[in-house]
Amino acid sequence: VNPDEVAPLAEMIASQPNLTLRGLMAIPT
């Protein structure tokens, strides 16, 4: 996702009963 899309996706993931959001991952240039 683009950086500005992180927060709303995190909110959605946090609402899922069988997922635990642990953080962020990236593969820089």
PDB file of all heavy atoms in Angstrom:
ATOM      1  N   VAL A   1       0.833  -1.190   0.000  1.00  0.00           N
ATOM      2  CA  VAL A   1       0.000   0.000   0.000  1.00  0.00           C
ATOM      3  C   VAL A   1       0.874   1.249   0.000  1.00  0.00           C
ATOM      4  O   VAL A   1       2.043   1.218   0.387  1.00  0.00           O
ATOM      5  CB  VAL A   1      -0.931   0.026   1.228  1.00  0.00           C
ATOM      6  CG1 VAL A   1      -1.865  -1.170   1.213  1.00  0.00           C
ATOM      7  CG2 VAL A   1      -0.131   0.069   2.528  1.00  0.00           C
ATOM      8  N   ASN A   2       0.298   2.344  -0.438  1.00  0.00           N
ATOM      9  CA  ASN A   2       0.979   3.622  -0.316  1.00  0.00           C
ATOM     10  C   ASN A   2       1.000   4.026   1.158  1.00  0.00           C
ATOM     11  O   ASN A   2       0.128   3.621   1.933  1.00  0.00           O
ATOM     12  CB  ASN A   2       0.265   4.689  -1.140  1.00  0.00           C
ATOM     13  CG  ASN A   2       0.362   4.430  -2.636  1.00  0.00           C
ATOM     14  OD1 ASN A   2       1.370   3.920  -3.127  1.00  0.00           O
ATOM     15  ND2 ASN A   2      -0.697   4.770  -3.358  1.00  0.00           N
ATOM     16  N   PRO A   3       1.974   4.827   1.565  1.00  0.00           N
ATOM     17  CA  PRO A   3       2.048   5.215   2.982  1.00  0.00           C
ATOM     18  C   PRO A   3       0.760   5.802   3.542  1.00  0.00           C
ATOM     19  O   PRO A   3       0.402   5.522   4.699  1.00  0.00           O
ATOM     20  CB  PRO A   3       3.192   6.229   2.989  1.00  0.00           C
ATOM     21  CG  PRO A   3       4.101   5.767   1.887  1.00  0.00           C
ATOM     22  CD  PRO A   3       3.160   5.288   0.815  1.00  0.00           C
ATOM     23  N   ASP A   4       0.023   6.574   2.731  1.00  0.00           N
ATOM     24  CA  ASP A   4      -1.197   7.188   3.254  1.00  0.00           C
ATOM     25  C   ASP A   4      -2.367   6.206   3.363  1.00  0.00           C
ATOM     26  O   ASP A   4      -3.441   6.565   3.860  1.00  0.00           O
ATOM     27  CB  ASP A   4      -1.596   8.396   2.408  1.00  0.00           C
ATOM     28  CG  ASP A   4      -1.882   8.050   0.950  1.00  0.00           C
ATOM     29  OD1 ASP A   4      -1.709   6.865   0.579  1.00  0.00           O
ATOM     30  OD2 ASP A   4      -2.256   8.947   0.182  1.00  0.00           O
ATOM     31  N   GLU A   5      -2.168   4.982   2.904  1.00  0.00           N
ATOM     32  CA  GLU A   5      -3.215   3.962   2.993  1.00  0.00           C
ATOM     33  C   GLU A   5      -3.016   3.025   4.184  1.00  0.00           C
ATOM     34  O   GLU A   5      -3.844   2.147   4.437  1.00  0.00           O
ATOM     35  CB  GLU A   5      -3.250   3.138   1.704  1.00  0.00           C
ATOM     36  CG  GLU A   5      -3.585   3.937   0.460  1.00  0.00           C
ATOM     37  CD  GLU A   5      -3.416   3.131  -0.821  1.00  0.00           C
ATOM     38  OE1 GLU A   5      -2.447   2.352  -0.935  1.00  0.00           O
ATOM     39  OE2 GLU A   5      -4.264   3.300  -1.721  1.00  0.00           O
ATOM     40  N   VAL A   6      -1.932   3.214   4.921  1.00  0.00           N
ATOM     41  CA  VAL A   6      -1.604   2.304   6.019  1.00  0.00           C
ATOM     42  C   VAL A   6      -2.644   2.356   7.132  1.00  0.00           C
ATOM     43  O   VAL A   6      -3.148   1.323   7.587  1.00  0.00           O
ATOM     44  CB  VAL A   6      -0.198   2.610   6.581  1.00  0.00           C
ATOM     45  CG1 VAL A   6       0.023   1.862   7.896  1.00  0.00           C
ATOM     46  CG2 VAL A   6       0.879   2.230   5.575  1.00  0.00           C
ATOM     47  N   ALA A   7      -2.973   3.553   7.591  1.00  0.00           N
ATOM     48  CA  ALA A   7      -3.859   3.692   8.756  1.00  0.00           C
ATOM     49  C   ALA A   7      -5.243   3.074   8.551  1.00  0.00           C
ATOM     50  O   ALA A   7      -5.710   2.313   9.411  1.00  0.00           O
ATOM     51  CB  ALA A   7      -3.972   5.161   9.154  1.00  0.00           C
ATOM     52  N   PRO A   8      -5.930   3.353   7.435  1.00  0.00           N
ATOM     53  CA  PRO A   8      -7.256   2.736   7.273  1.00  0.00           C
ATOM     54  C   PRO A   8      -7.208   1.218   7.138  1.00  0.00           C
ATOM     55  O   PRO A   8      -8.096   0.519   7.638  1.00  0.00           O
ATOM     56  CB  PRO A   8      -7.813   3.396   6.003  1.00  0.00           C
ATOM     57  CG  PRO A   8      -6.653   4.016   5.315  1.00  0.00           C
ATOM     58  CD  PRO A   8      -5.672   4.351   6.379  1.00  0.00           C
ATOM     59  N   LEU A   9      -6.167   0.693   6.480  1.00  0.00           N
ATOM     60  CA  LEU A   9      -6.053  -0.760   6.372  1.00  0.00           C
ATOM     61  C   LEU A   9      -5.788  -1.371   7.745  1.00  0.00           C
ATOM     62  O   LEU A   9      -6.323  -2.435   8.081  1.00  0.00           O
ATOM     63  CB  LEU A   9      -4.949  -1.142   5.390  1.00  0.00           C
ATOM     64  CG  LEU A   9      -4.725  -2.647   5.174  1.00  0.00           C
ATOM     65  CD1 LEU A   9      -6.000  -3.335   4.712  1.00  0.00           C
ATOM     66  CD2 LEU A   9      -3.599  -2.895   4.175  1.00  0.00           C
ATOM     67  N   ALA A  10      -4.974  -0.701   8.551  1.00  0.00           N
ATOM     68  CA  ALA A  10      -4.694  -1.193   9.896  1.00  0.00           C
ATOM     69  C   ALA A  10      -5.974  -1.277  10.725  1.00  0.00           C
ATOM     70  O   ALA A  10      -6.184  -2.245  11.481  1.00  0.00           O
ATOM     71  CB  ALA A  10      -3.679  -0.291  10.583  1.00  0.00           C
ATOM     72  N   GLU A  11      -6.834  -0.292  10.602  1.00  0.00           N
ATOM     73  CA  GLU A  11      -8.099  -0.308  11.336  1.00  0.00           C
ATOM     74  C   GLU A  11      -8.947  -1.499  10.924  1.00  0.00           C
ATOM     75  O   GLU A  11      -9.569  -2.164  11.761  1.00  0.00           O
ATOM     76  CB  GLU A  11      -8.866   0.996  11.092  1.00  0.00           C
ATOM     77  CG  GLU A  11      -8.273   2.205  11.777  1.00  0.00           C
ATOM     78  CD  GLU A  11      -8.297   2.096  13.287  1.00  0.00           C
ATOM     79  OE1 GLU A  11      -9.259   1.508  13.837  1.00  0.00           O
ATOM     80  OE2 GLU A  11      -7.340   2.570  13.924  1.00  0.00           O
ATOM     81  N   MET A  12      -8.988  -1.761   9.629  1.00  0.00           N
ATOM     82  CA  MET A  12      -9.788  -2.880   9.145  1.00  0.00           C
ATOM     83  C   MET A  12      -9.220  -4.203   9.658  1.00  0.00           C
ATOM     84  O   MET A  12      -9.956  -5.094  10.112  1.00  0.00           O
ATOM     85  CB  MET A  12      -9.813  -2.843   7.606  1.00  0.00           C
ATOM     86  CG  MET A  12     -10.694  -3.900   6.966  1.00  0.00           C
ATOM     87  SD  MET A  12      -9.797  -5.447   6.671  1.00  0.00           S
ATOM     88  CE  MET A  12     -11.164  -6.474   6.101  1.00  0.00           C
ATOM     89  N   ILE A  13      -7.895  -4.361   9.582  1.00  0.00           N
ATOM     90  CA  ILE A  13      -7.264  -5.604  10.042  1.00  0.00           C
ATOM     91  C   ILE A  13      -7.530  -5.816  11.527  1.00  0.00           C
ATOM     92  O   ILE A  13      -7.819  -6.927  11.981  1.00  0.00           O
ATOM     93  CB  ILE A  13      -5.750  -5.569   9.760  1.00  0.00           C
ATOM     94  CG1 ILE A  13      -5.493  -5.608   8.249  1.00  0.00           C
ATOM     95  CG2 ILE A  13      -5.046  -6.741  10.444  1.00  0.00           C
ATOM     96  CD1 ILE A  13      -4.046  -5.332   7.867  1.00  0.00           C
ATOM     97  N   ALA A  14      -7.429  -4.747  12.297  1.00  0.00           N
ATOM     98  CA  ALA A  14      -7.638  -4.844  13.740  1.00  0.00           C
ATOM     99  C   ALA A  14      -9.043  -5.319  14.093  1.00  0.00           C
ATOM    100  O   ALA A  14      -9.264  -5.850  15.188  1.00  0.00           O
ATOM    101  CB  ALA A  14      -7.356  -3.497  14.402  1.00  0.00           C
ATOM    102  N   SER A  15      -9.984  -5.156  13.169  1.00  0.00           N
ATOM    103  CA  SER A  15     -11.364  -5.578  13.426  1.00  0.00           C
ATOM    104  C   SER A  15     -11.613  -7.041  13.096  1.00  0.00           C
ATOM    105  O   SER A  15     -12.687  -7.566  13.397  1.00  0.00           O
ATOM    106  CB  SER A  15     -12.330  -4.711  12.611  1.00  0.00           C
ATOM    107  OG  SER A  15     -12.262  -5.044  11.220  1.00  0.00           O
ATOM    108  N   GLN A  16     -10.633  -7.693  12.492  1.00  0.00           N
ATOM    109  CA  GLN A  16     -10.816  -9.090  12.082  1.00  0.00           C
ATOM    110  C   GLN A  16     -10.509 -10.031  13.245  1.00  0.00           C
ATOM    111  O   GLN A  16      -9.423  -9.967  13.823  1.00  0.00           O
ATOM    112  CB  GLN A  16      -9.918  -9.408  10.889  1.00  0.00           C
ATOM    113  CG  GLN A  16     -10.211  -8.573   9.658  1.00  0.00           C
ATOM    114  CD  GLN A  16     -11.633  -8.720   9.174  1.00  0.00           C
ATOM    115  OE1 GLN A  16     -12.103  -9.806   8.859  1.00  0.00           O
ATOM    116  NE2 GLN A  16     -12.336  -7.597   9.110  1.00  0.00           N
ATOM    117  N   PRO A  17     -11.423 -10.916  13.588  1.00  0.00           N
ATOM    118  CA  PRO A  17     -11.261 -11.719  14.808  1.00  0.00           C
ATOM    119  C   PRO A  17     -10.111 -12.719  14.782  1.00  0.00           C
ATOM    120  O   PRO A  17      -9.591 -13.078  15.841  1.00  0.00           O
ATOM    121  CB  PRO A  17     -12.610 -12.448  14.926  1.00  0.00           C
ATOM    122  CG  PRO A  17     -13.158 -12.468  13.529  1.00  0.00           C
ATOM    123  CD  PRO A  17     -12.707 -11.184  12.913  1.00  0.00           C
ATOM    124  N   ASN A  18      -9.710 -13.162  13.604  1.00  0.00           N
ATOM    125  CA  ASN A  18      -8.679 -14.194  13.534  1.00  0.00           C
ATOM    126  C   ASN A  18      -7.353 -13.691  12.976  1.00  0.00           C
ATOM    127  O   ASN A  18      -6.530 -14.476  12.491  1.00  0.00           O
ATOM    128  CB  ASN A  18      -9.187 -15.379  12.724  1.00  0.00           C
ATOM    129  CG  ASN A  18     -10.372 -16.051  13.390  1.00  0.00           C
ATOM    130  OD1 ASN A  18     -10.354 -16.297  14.599  1.00  0.00           O
ATOM    131  ND2 ASN A  18     -11.412 -16.319  12.631  1.00  0.00           N
ATOM    132  N   LEU A  19      -7.169 -12.362  13.037  1.00  0.00           N
ATOM    133  CA  LEU A  19      -5.899 -11.756  12.649  1.00  0.00           C
ATOM    134  C   LEU A  19      -5.385 -10.911  13.807  1.00  0.00           C
ATOM    135  O   LEU A  19      -6.170 -10.302  14.534  1.00  0.00           O
ATOM    136  CB  LEU A  19      -6.063 -10.849  11.419  1.00  0.00           C
ATOM    137  CG  LEU A  19      -6.619 -11.451  10.137  1.00  0.00           C
ATOM    138  CD1 LEU A  19      -6.674 -10.381   9.043  1.00  0.00           C
ATOM    139  CD2 LEU A  19      -5.800 -12.644   9.673  1.00  0.00           C
ATOM    140  N   THR A  20      -4.064 -10.878  13.959  1.00  0.00           N
ATOM    141  CA  THR A  20      -3.427  -9.972  14.908  1.00  0.00           C
ATOM    142  C   THR A  20      -2.432  -9.110  14.150  1.00  0.00           C
ATOM    143  O   THR A  20      -1.476  -9.623  13.560  1.00  0.00           O
ATOM    144  CB  THR A  20      -2.682 -10.739  16.024  1.00  0.00           C
ATOM    145  OG1 THR A  20      -3.623 -11.490  16.787  1.00  0.00           O
ATOM    146  CG2 THR A  20      -1.947  -9.765  16.943  1.00  0.00           C
ATOM    147  N   LEU A  21      -2.671  -7.817  14.118  1.00  0.00           N
ATOM    148  CA  LEU A  21      -1.772  -6.899  13.433  1.00  0.00           C
ATOM    149  C   LEU A  21      -0.515  -6.714  14.269  1.00  0.00           C
ATOM    150  O   LEU A  21      -0.580  -6.285  15.421  1.00  0.00           O
ATOM    151  CB  LEU A  21      -2.454  -5.553  13.209  1.00  0.00           C
ATOM    152  CG  LEU A  21      -1.624  -4.481  12.501  1.00  0.00           C
ATOM    153  CD1 LEU A  21      -1.245  -4.930  11.097  1.00  0.00           C
ATOM    154  CD2 LEU A  21      -2.379  -3.155  12.453  1.00  0.00           C
ATOM    155  N   ARG A  22       0.644  -7.028  13.680  1.00  0.00           N
ATOM    156  CA  ARG A  22       1.909  -6.919  14.406  1.00  0.00           C
ATOM    157  C   ARG A  22       2.753  -5.727  13.978  1.00  0.00           C
ATOM    158  O   ARG A  22       3.597  -5.269  14.745  1.00  0.00           O
ATOM    159  CB  ARG A  22       2.719  -8.206  14.210  1.00  0.00           C
ATOM    160  CG  ARG A  22       2.070  -9.447  14.800  1.00  0.00           C
ATOM    161  CD  ARG A  22       1.972  -9.393  16.327  1.00  0.00           C
ATOM    162  NE  ARG A  22       3.272  -9.434  16.950  1.00  0.00           N
ATOM    163  CZ  ARG A  22       3.893 -10.555  17.328  1.00  0.00           C
ATOM    164  NH1 ARG A  22       3.294 -11.724  17.161  1.00  0.00           N
ATOM    165  NH2 ARG A  22       5.079 -10.511  17.910  1.00  0.00           N
ATOM    166  N   GLY A  23       2.560  -5.239  12.725  1.00  0.00           N
ATOM    167  CA  GLY A  23       3.362  -4.099  12.312  1.00  0.00           C
ATOM    168  C   GLY A  23       3.412  -3.906  10.819  1.00  0.00           C
ATOM    169  O   GLY A  23       2.449  -4.211  10.104  1.00  0.00           O
ATOM    170  N   LEU A  24       4.556  -3.433  10.338  1.00  0.00           N
ATOM    171  CA  LEU A  24       4.744  -3.080   8.937  1.00  0.00           C
ATOM    172  C   LEU A  24       5.922  -3.828   8.341  1.00  0.00           C
ATOM    173  O   LEU A  24       6.863  -4.198   9.034  1.00  0.00           O
ATOM    174  CB  LEU A  24       4.996  -1.573   8.801  1.00  0.00           C
ATOM    175  CG  LEU A  24       3.941  -0.628   9.357  1.00  0.00           C
ATOM    176  CD1 LEU A  24       4.396   0.818   9.189  1.00  0.00           C
ATOM    177  CD2 LEU A  24       2.601  -0.847   8.675  1.00  0.00           C
ATOM    178  N   MET A  25       5.861  -4.013   7.027  1.00  0.00           N
ATOM    179  CA  MET A  25       6.929  -4.664   6.279  1.00  0.00           C
ATOM    180  C   MET A  25       7.188  -3.853   5.027  1.00  0.00           C
ATOM    181  O   MET A  25       6.264  -3.264   4.447  1.00  0.00           O
ATOM    182  CB  MET A  25       6.519  -6.094   5.919  1.00  0.00           C
ATOM    183  CG  MET A  25       7.520  -6.829   5.031  1.00  0.00           C
ATOM    184  SD  MET A  25       7.235  -6.624   3.246  1.00  0.00           S
ATOM    185  CE  MET A  25       7.858  -8.189   2.637  1.00  0.00           C
ATOM    186  N   ALA A  26       8.449  -3.806   4.593  1.00  0.00           N
ATOM    187  CA  ALA A  26       8.769  -3.090   3.355  1.00  0.00           C
ATOM    188  C   ALA A  26       9.992  -3.705   2.695  1.00  0.00           C
ATOM    189  O   ALA A  26      10.842  -4.319   3.349  1.00  0.00           O
ATOM    190  CB  ALA A  26       9.028  -1.611   3.627  1.00  0.00           C
ATOM    191  N   ILE A  27      10.034  -3.522   1.370  1.00  0.00           N
ATOM    192  CA  ILE A  27      11.203  -3.881   0.571  1.00  0.00           C
ATOM    193  C   ILE A  27      11.659  -2.597  -0.124  1.00  0.00           C
ATOM    194  O   ILE A  27      11.164  -2.264  -1.202  1.00  0.00           O
ATOM    195  CB  ILE A  27      10.871  -4.967  -0.475  1.00  0.00           C
ATOM    196  CG1 ILE A  27      10.219  -6.177   0.199  1.00  0.00           C
ATOM    197  CG2 ILE A  27      12.137  -5.384  -1.237  1.00  0.00           C
ATOM    198  CD1 ILE A  27       9.694  -7.218  -0.784  1.00  0.00           C
ATOM    199  N   PRO A  28      12.546  -1.836   0.492  1.00  0.00           N
ATOM    200  CA  PRO A  28      12.977  -0.570  -0.105  1.00  0.00           C
ATOM    201  C   PRO A  28      13.703  -0.768  -1.431  1.00  0.00           C
ATOM    202  O   PRO A  28      14.017  -1.897  -1.836  1.00  0.00           O
ATOM    203  CB  PRO A  28      13.908   0.024   0.957  1.00  0.00           C
ATOM    204  CG  PRO A  28      13.473  -0.618   2.231  1.00  0.00           C
ATOM    205  CD  PRO A  28      13.088  -2.012   1.830  1.00  0.00           C
ATOM    206  N   THR A  29      13.975   0.317  -2.091  1.00  0.00           N
ATOM    207  CA  THR A  29      14.665   0.293  -3.376  1.00  0.00           C
ATOM    208  C   THR A  29      16.000  -0.441  -3.273  1.00  0.00           C
ATOM    209  O   THR A  29      16.780  -0.205  -2.348  1.00  0.00           O
ATOM    210  CB  THR A  29      14.932   1.735  -3.866  1.00  0.00           C
ATOM    211  OG1 THR A  29      13.694   2.442  -3.908  1.00  0.00           O
ATOM    212  CG2 THR A  29      15.567   1.734  -5.244  1.00  0.00           C
TER     213      THR A  29
END
